[in-house]
PDB file of N, CA and C in Angstrom:
ATOM      1  N   MET A   1     141.168-117.339 -65.736  1.00  0.00           N
ATOM      2  CA  MET A   1     141.720-116.741 -64.592  1.00  0.00           C
ATOM      3  C   MET A   1     141.050-117.285 -63.451  1.00  0.00           C
ATOM      4  N   SER A   2     141.801-117.879 -62.476  1.00  0.00           N
ATOM      5  CA  SER A   2     141.328-118.339 -61.148  1.00  0.00           C
ATOM      6  C   SER A   2     141.580-117.466 -59.955  1.00  0.00           C
ATOM      7  N   VAL A   3     140.872-117.644 -58.994  1.00  0.00           N
ATOM      8  CA  VAL A   3     141.121-116.872 -57.630  1.00  0.00           C
ATOM      9  C   VAL A   3     141.413-117.949 -56.729  1.00  0.00           C
ATOM     10  N   VAL A   4     142.551-117.676 -56.036  1.00  0.00           N
ATOM     11  CA  VAL A   4     142.968-118.629 -55.058  1.00  0.00           C
ATOM     12  C   VAL A   4     142.714-117.905 -53.685  1.00  0.00           C
ATOM     13  N   THR A   5     142.185-118.489 -52.753  1.00  0.00           N
ATOM     14  CA  THR A   5     141.855-117.987 -51.569  1.00  0.00           C
ATOM     15  C   THR A   5     142.722-118.701 -50.555  1.00  0.00           C
ATOM     16  N   ILE A   6     143.519-118.061 -49.740  1.00  0.00           N
ATOM     17  CA  ILE A   6     144.423-118.606 -48.651  1.00  0.00           C
ATOM     18  C   ILE A   6     143.662-118.390 -47.331  1.00  0.00           C
ATOM     19  N   ILE A   7     143.401-119.435 -46.688  1.00  0.00           N
ATOM     20  CA  ILE A   7     142.738-119.360 -45.426  1.00  0.00           C
ATOM     21  C   ILE A   7     143.926-119.600 -44.346  1.00  0.00           C
ATOM     22  N   MET A   8     144.078-118.609 -43.573  1.00  0.00           N
ATOM     23  CA  MET A   8     145.101-118.877 -42.431  1.00  0.00           C
ATOM     24  C   MET A   8     144.482-119.523 -41.277  1.00  0.00           C
ATOM     25  N   PRO A   9     145.320-120.478 -40.769  1.00  0.00           N
ATOM     26  CA  PRO A   9     144.665-121.341 -39.670  1.00  0.00           C
ATOM     27  C   PRO A   9     144.407-120.304 -38.490  1.00  0.00           C
ATOM     28  N   THR A  10     143.430-120.807 -37.691  1.00  0.00           N
ATOM     29  CA  THR A  10     143.033-120.079 -36.456  1.00  0.00           C
ATOM     30  C   THR A  10     142.802-120.858 -35.302  1.00  0.00           C
ATOM     31  N   VAL A  11     142.800-120.302 -34.149  1.00  0.00           N
ATOM     32  CA  VAL A  11     142.534-121.025 -32.929  1.00  0.00           C
ATOM     33  C   VAL A  11     141.427-120.343 -32.285  1.00  0.00           C
ATOM     34  N   LYS A  12     140.423-121.237 -31.852  1.00  0.00           N
ATOM     35  CA  LYS A  12     139.108-120.764 -31.274  1.00  0.00           C
ATOM     36  C   LYS A  12     139.178-121.152 -29.671  1.00  0.00           C
ATOM     37  N   PHE A  13     139.027-120.262 -28.866  1.00  0.00           N
ATOM     38  CA  PHE A  13     138.930-120.382 -27.507  1.00  0.00           C
ATOM     39  C   PHE A  13     137.895-119.601 -26.795  1.00  0.00           C
ATOM     40  N   LYS A  14     137.575-119.842 -25.372  1.00  0.00           N
ATOM     41  CA  LYS A  14     136.791-118.991 -24.726  1.00  0.00           C
ATOM     42  C   LYS A  14     137.531-118.327 -23.703  1.00  0.00           C
ATOM     43  N   TYR A  15     137.298-116.913 -23.600  1.00  0.00           N
ATOM     44  CA  TYR A  15     137.966-116.182 -22.562  1.00  0.00           C
ATOM     45  C   TYR A  15     136.938-115.339 -21.871  1.00  0.00           C
ATOM     46  N   LYS A  16     136.832-115.381 -20.584  1.00  0.00           N
ATOM     47  CA  LYS A  16     135.901-114.753 -19.731  1.00  0.00           C
ATOM     48  C   LYS A  16     134.443-114.949 -20.210  1.00  0.00           C
ATOM     49  N   GLY A  17     134.128-116.053 -20.683  1.00  0.00           N
ATOM     50  CA  GLY A  17     132.788-116.429 -21.102  1.00  0.00           C
ATOM     51  C   GLY A  17     132.539-116.079 -22.610  1.00  0.00           C
ATOM     52  N   GLU A  18     133.466-115.293 -23.350  1.00  0.00           N
ATOM     53  CA  GLU A  18     133.275-114.882 -24.495  1.00  0.00           C
ATOM     54  C   GLU A  18     134.155-115.903 -25.627  1.00  0.00           C
ATOM     55  N   THR A  19     133.572-116.363 -26.624  1.00  0.00           N
ATOM     56  CA  THR A  19     134.307-117.094 -27.591  1.00  0.00           C
ATOM     57  C   THR A  19     134.987-116.220 -28.498  1.00  0.00           C
ATOM     58  N   LYS A  20     136.223-116.509 -28.690  1.00  0.00           N
ATOM     59  CA  LYS A  20     137.253-115.789 -29.535  1.00  0.00           C
ATOM     60  C   LYS A  20     137.788-116.604 -30.612  1.00  0.00           C
ATOM     61  N   GLU A  21     138.257-116.039 -31.678  1.00  0.00           N
ATOM     62  CA  GLU A  21     138.960-116.635 -32.691  1.00  0.00           C
ATOM     63  C   GLU A  21     140.175-115.827 -33.145  1.00  0.00           C
ATOM     64  N   VAL A  22     141.381-116.345 -32.985  1.00  0.00           N
ATOM     65  CA  VAL A  22     142.544-115.550 -33.429  1.00  0.00           C
ATOM     66  C   VAL A  22     143.375-116.216 -34.480  1.00  0.00           C
ATOM     67  N   ASP A  23     143.927-115.571 -35.433  1.00  0.00           N
ATOM     68  CA  ASP A  23     144.730-115.954 -36.516  1.00  0.00           C
ATOM     69  C   ASP A  23     146.042-116.486 -35.845  1.00  0.00           C
ATOM     70  N   ILE A  24     146.536-117.696 -36.164  1.00  0.00           N
ATOM     71  CA  ILE A  24     147.724-118.312 -35.652  1.00  0.00           C
ATOM     72  C   ILE A  24     148.863-117.322 -35.953  1.00  0.00           C
ATOM     73  N   SER A  25     148.959-116.460 -36.929  1.00  0.00           N
ATOM     74  CA  SER A  25     150.005-115.541 -37.298  1.00  0.00           C
ATOM     75  C   SER A  25     150.286-114.575 -36.199  1.00  0.00           C
ATOM     76  N   LYS A  26     149.204-114.241 -35.375  1.00  0.00           N
ATOM     77  CA  LYS A  26     149.158-113.269 -34.468  1.00  0.00           C
ATOM     78  C   LYS A  26     149.637-113.809 -33.030  1.00  0.00           C
ATOM     79  N   VAL A  27     149.806-115.098 -33.094  1.00  0.00           N
ATOM     80  CA  VAL A  27     150.291-115.721 -31.765  1.00  0.00           C
ATOM     81  C   VAL A  27     151.773-115.484 -31.506  1.00  0.00           C
ATOM     82  N   LYS A  28     152.053-114.988 -30.298  1.00  0.00           N
ATOM     83  CA  LYS A  28     153.558-114.635 -29.962  1.00  0.00           C
ATOM     84  C   LYS A  28     154.086-115.548 -29.228  1.00  0.00           C
ATOM     85  N   LYS A  29     153.582-116.059 -28.144  1.00  0.00           N
ATOM     86  CA  LYS A  29     154.265-117.064 -27.221  1.00  0.00           C
ATOM     87  C   LYS A  29     153.399-118.183 -26.940  1.00  0.00           C
ATOM     88  N   VAL A  30     153.812-119.403 -26.821  1.00  0.00           N
ATOM     89  CA  VAL A  30     153.018-120.556 -26.606  1.00  0.00           C
ATOM     90  C   VAL A  30     153.749-121.376 -25.527  1.00  0.00           C
ATOM     91  N   TRP A  31     152.902-121.777 -24.510  1.00  0.00           N
ATOM     92  CA  TRP A  31     153.627-122.721 -23.532  1.00  0.00           C
ATOM     93  C   TRP A  31     152.404-123.704 -22.970  1.00  0.00           C
ATOM     94  N   LYS A  32     152.868-124.795 -22.325  1.00  0.00           N
ATOM     95  CA  LYS A  32     151.993-125.798 -21.931  1.00  0.00           C
ATOM     96  C   LYS A  32     151.841-125.755 -20.382  1.00  0.00           C
ATOM     97  N   VAL A  33     150.642-125.779 -19.809  1.00  0.00           N
ATOM     98  CA  VAL A  33     150.422-125.946 -18.366  1.00  0.00           C
ATOM     99  C   VAL A  33     149.401-127.080 -18.264  1.00  0.00           C
ATOM    100  N   GLY A  34     149.885-128.175 -17.779  1.00  0.00           N
ATOM    101  CA  GLY A  34     149.149-129.384 -17.569  1.00  0.00           C
ATOM    102  C   GLY A  34     148.767-129.906 -18.785  1.00  0.00           C
ATOM    103  N   LYS A  35     147.403-130.032 -19.053  1.00  0.00           N
ATOM    104  CA  LYS A  35     146.807-130.595 -20.409  1.00  0.00           C
ATOM    105  C   LYS A  35     146.185-129.290 -21.229  1.00  0.00           C
ATOM    106  N   MET A  36     146.470-128.208 -20.771  1.00  0.00           N
ATOM    107  CA  MET A  36     146.185-126.970 -21.441  1.00  0.00           C
ATOM    108  C   MET A  36     147.352-126.388 -22.302  1.00  0.00           C
ATOM    109  N   ILE A  37     147.100-125.721 -23.424  1.00  0.00           N
ATOM    110  CA  ILE A  37     148.133-124.832 -24.086  1.00  0.00           C
ATOM    111  C   ILE A  37     147.735-123.520 -24.025  1.00  0.00           C
ATOM    112  N   SER A  38     148.624-122.691 -23.271  1.00  0.00           N
ATOM    113  CA  SER A  38     148.379-121.255 -23.207  1.00  0.00           C
ATOM    114  C   SER A  38     149.116-120.492 -24.204  1.00  0.00           C
ATOM    115  N   PHE A  39     148.628-119.276 -24.469  1.00  0.00           N
ATOM    116  CA  PHE A  39     149.354-118.506 -25.508  1.00  0.00           C
ATOM    117  C   PHE A  39     148.966-116.883 -25.374  1.00  0.00           C
ATOM    118  N   THR A  40     149.870-116.102 -25.838  1.00  0.00           N
ATOM    119  CA  THR A  40     149.597-114.767 -25.970  1.00  0.00           C
ATOM    120  C   THR A  40     149.616-114.451 -27.385  1.00  0.00           C
ATOM    121  N   TYR A  41     148.912-113.318 -27.778  1.00  0.00           N
ATOM    122  CA  TYR A  41     148.662-112.990 -29.083  1.00  0.00           C
ATOM    123  C   TYR A  41     148.557-111.321 -29.169  1.00  0.00           C
ATOM    124  N   ASP A  42     148.873-110.887 -30.375  1.00  0.00           N
ATOM    125  CA  ASP A  42     148.566-109.394 -30.649  1.00  0.00           C
ATOM    126  C   ASP A  42     147.161-109.186 -30.845  1.00  0.00           C
ATOM    127  N   ASP A  43     146.654-108.292 -29.955  1.00  0.00           N
ATOM    128  CA  ASP A  43     145.197-107.941 -29.994  1.00  0.00           C
ATOM    129  C   ASP A  43     145.263-106.428 -30.491  1.00  0.00           C
ATOM    130  N   ASN A  44     145.542-106.015 -31.726  1.00  0.00           N
ATOM    131  CA  ASN A  44     145.462-104.745 -32.143  1.00  0.00           C
ATOM    132  C   ASN A  44     146.387-103.766 -31.215  1.00  0.00           C
ATOM    133  N   GLY A  45     147.688-104.228 -30.956  1.00  0.00           N
ATOM    134  CA  GLY A  45     148.588-103.356 -30.285  1.00  0.00           C
ATOM    135  C   GLY A  45     148.577-103.761 -28.817  1.00  0.00           C
ATOM    136  N   LYS A  46     147.653-104.374 -28.136  1.00  0.00           N
ATOM    137  CA  LYS A  46     147.637-104.921 -26.835  1.00  0.00           C
ATOM    138  C   LYS A  46     148.064-106.445 -26.891  1.00  0.00           C
ATOM    139  N   THR A  47     148.399-107.019 -25.775  1.00  0.00           N
ATOM    140  CA  THR A  47     148.623-108.388 -25.675  1.00  0.00           C
ATOM    141  C   THR A  47     147.485-109.085 -25.179  1.00  0.00           C
ATOM    142  N   GLY A  48     146.848-110.022 -25.911  1.00  0.00           N
ATOM    143  CA  GLY A  48     145.726-110.735 -25.447  1.00  0.00           C
ATOM    144  C   GLY A  48     146.296-112.214 -24.974  1.00  0.00           C
ATOM    145  N   ARG A  49     145.468-112.863 -24.105  1.00  0.00           N
ATOM    146  CA  ARG A  49     145.851-114.254 -23.698  1.00  0.00           C
ATOM    147  C   ARG A  49     144.636-115.137 -23.837  1.00  0.00           C
ATOM    148  N   GLY A  50     145.119-116.322 -24.084  1.00  0.00           N
ATOM    149  CA  GLY A  50     144.158-117.466 -24.392  1.00  0.00           C
ATOM    150  C   GLY A  50     144.682-118.751 -24.058  1.00  0.00           C
ATOM    151  N   ALA A  51     143.808-119.764 -24.000  1.00  0.00           N
ATOM    152  CA  ALA A  51     144.259-121.118 -23.617  1.00  0.00           C
ATOM    153  C   ALA A  51     143.225-122.136 -24.344  1.00  0.00           C
ATOM    154  N   VAL A  52     143.682-123.305 -24.740  1.00  0.00           N
ATOM    155  CA  VAL A  52     142.847-124.285 -25.282  1.00  0.00           C
ATOM    156  C   VAL A  52     143.432-125.636 -24.823  1.00  0.00           C
ATOM    157  N   SER A  53     142.485-126.627 -24.752  1.00  0.00           N
ATOM    158  CA  SER A  53     142.936-127.952 -24.254  1.00  0.00           C
ATOM    159  C   SER A  53     143.960-128.577 -25.257  1.00  0.00           C
ATOM    160  N   GLU A  54     144.747-129.422 -24.979  1.00  0.00           N
ATOM    161  CA  GLU A  54     145.773-129.941 -25.775  1.00  0.00           C
ATOM    162  C   GLU A  54     145.053-130.762 -26.815  1.00  0.00           C
ATOM    163  N   LYS A  55     143.877-131.374 -26.648  1.00  0.00           N
ATOM    164  CA  LYS A  55     143.226-132.179 -27.602  1.00  0.00           C
ATOM    165  C   LYS A  55     142.591-131.234 -28.668  1.00  0.00           C
ATOM    166  N   ASP A  56     142.123-129.984 -28.273  1.00  0.00           N
ATOM    167  CA  ASP A  56     141.448-129.169 -29.176  1.00  0.00           C
ATOM    168  C   ASP A  56     142.308-128.191 -29.914  1.00  0.00           C
ATOM    169  N   ALA A  57     143.603-128.053 -29.574  1.00  0.00           N
ATOM    170  CA  ALA A  57     144.556-127.122 -30.178  1.00  0.00           C
ATOM    171  C   ALA A  57     144.841-127.570 -31.581  1.00  0.00           C
ATOM    172  N   PRO A  58     144.964-126.580 -32.449  1.00  0.00           N
ATOM    173  CA  PRO A  58     145.312-126.886 -33.923  1.00  0.00           C
ATOM    174  C   PRO A  58     146.739-127.148 -33.992  1.00  0.00           C
ATOM    175  N   LYS A  59     147.109-128.008 -35.021  1.00  0.00           N
ATOM    176  CA  LYS A  59     148.498-128.449 -35.026  1.00  0.00           C
ATOM    177  C   LYS A  59     149.519-127.301 -35.216  1.00  0.00           C
ATOM    178  N   GLU A  60     148.998-126.299 -35.888  1.00  0.00           N
ATOM    179  CA  GLU A  60     149.893-125.001 -36.115  1.00  0.00           C
ATOM    180  C   GLU A  60     150.268-124.379 -34.790  1.00  0.00           C
ATOM    181  N   LEU A  61     149.319-124.447 -33.682  1.00  0.00           N
ATOM    182  CA  LEU A  61     149.740-123.810 -32.393  1.00  0.00           C
ATOM    183  C   LEU A  61     150.533-124.789 -31.737  1.00  0.00           C
ATOM    184  N   VAL A  62     150.340-125.948 -31.784  1.00  0.00           N
ATOM    185  CA  VAL A  62     151.135-127.162 -30.974  1.00  0.00           C
ATOM    186  C   VAL A  62     152.619-126.909 -31.609  1.00  0.00           C
ATOM    187  N   SER A  63     152.684-126.663 -32.866  1.00  0.00           N
ATOM    188  CA  SER A  63     154.019-126.642 -33.384  1.00  0.00           C
ATOM    189  C   SER A  63     154.913-125.410 -33.064  1.00  0.00           C
ATOM    190  N   LYS A  64     154.211-124.446 -32.400  1.00  0.00           N
ATOM    191  CA  LYS A  64     154.891-123.378 -31.849  1.00  0.00           C
ATOM    192  C   LYS A  64     155.345-123.458 -30.437  1.00  0.00           C
ATOM    193  N   LEU A  65     155.012-124.485 -29.631  1.00  0.00           N
ATOM    194  CA  LEU A  65     155.441-124.803 -28.401  1.00  0.00           C
ATOM    195  C   LEU A  65     156.869-124.841 -28.373  1.00  0.00           C
ATOM    196  N   GLY A  66     157.427-124.065 -27.353  1.00  0.00           N
ATOM    197  CA  GLY A  66     158.862-124.061 -27.183  1.00  0.00           C
ATOM    198  C   GLY A  66     159.643-123.357 -28.038  1.00  0.00           C
ATOM    199  N   LYS A  67     159.058-122.561 -29.064  1.00  0.00           N
ATOM    200  CA  LYS A  67     159.826-121.789 -29.839  1.00  0.00           C
ATOM    201  C   LYS A  67     160.042-120.302 -29.469  1.00  0.00           C
TER     202      LYS A  67
END
């Protein structure tokens, strides 16, 4: 018997000086502002906001642009 661990991709960012990490599946909306990728996510019933530079953004987040 083998155990399979599925690791969901996450995005790491800083918000108000605090480092946060959010599961990509919680990301609701993604848009681009200059060289930054901004997004909103579900933060336990509230809407959280974050942004990462285009070069540091995981490909799963970039693929959600414009959807």
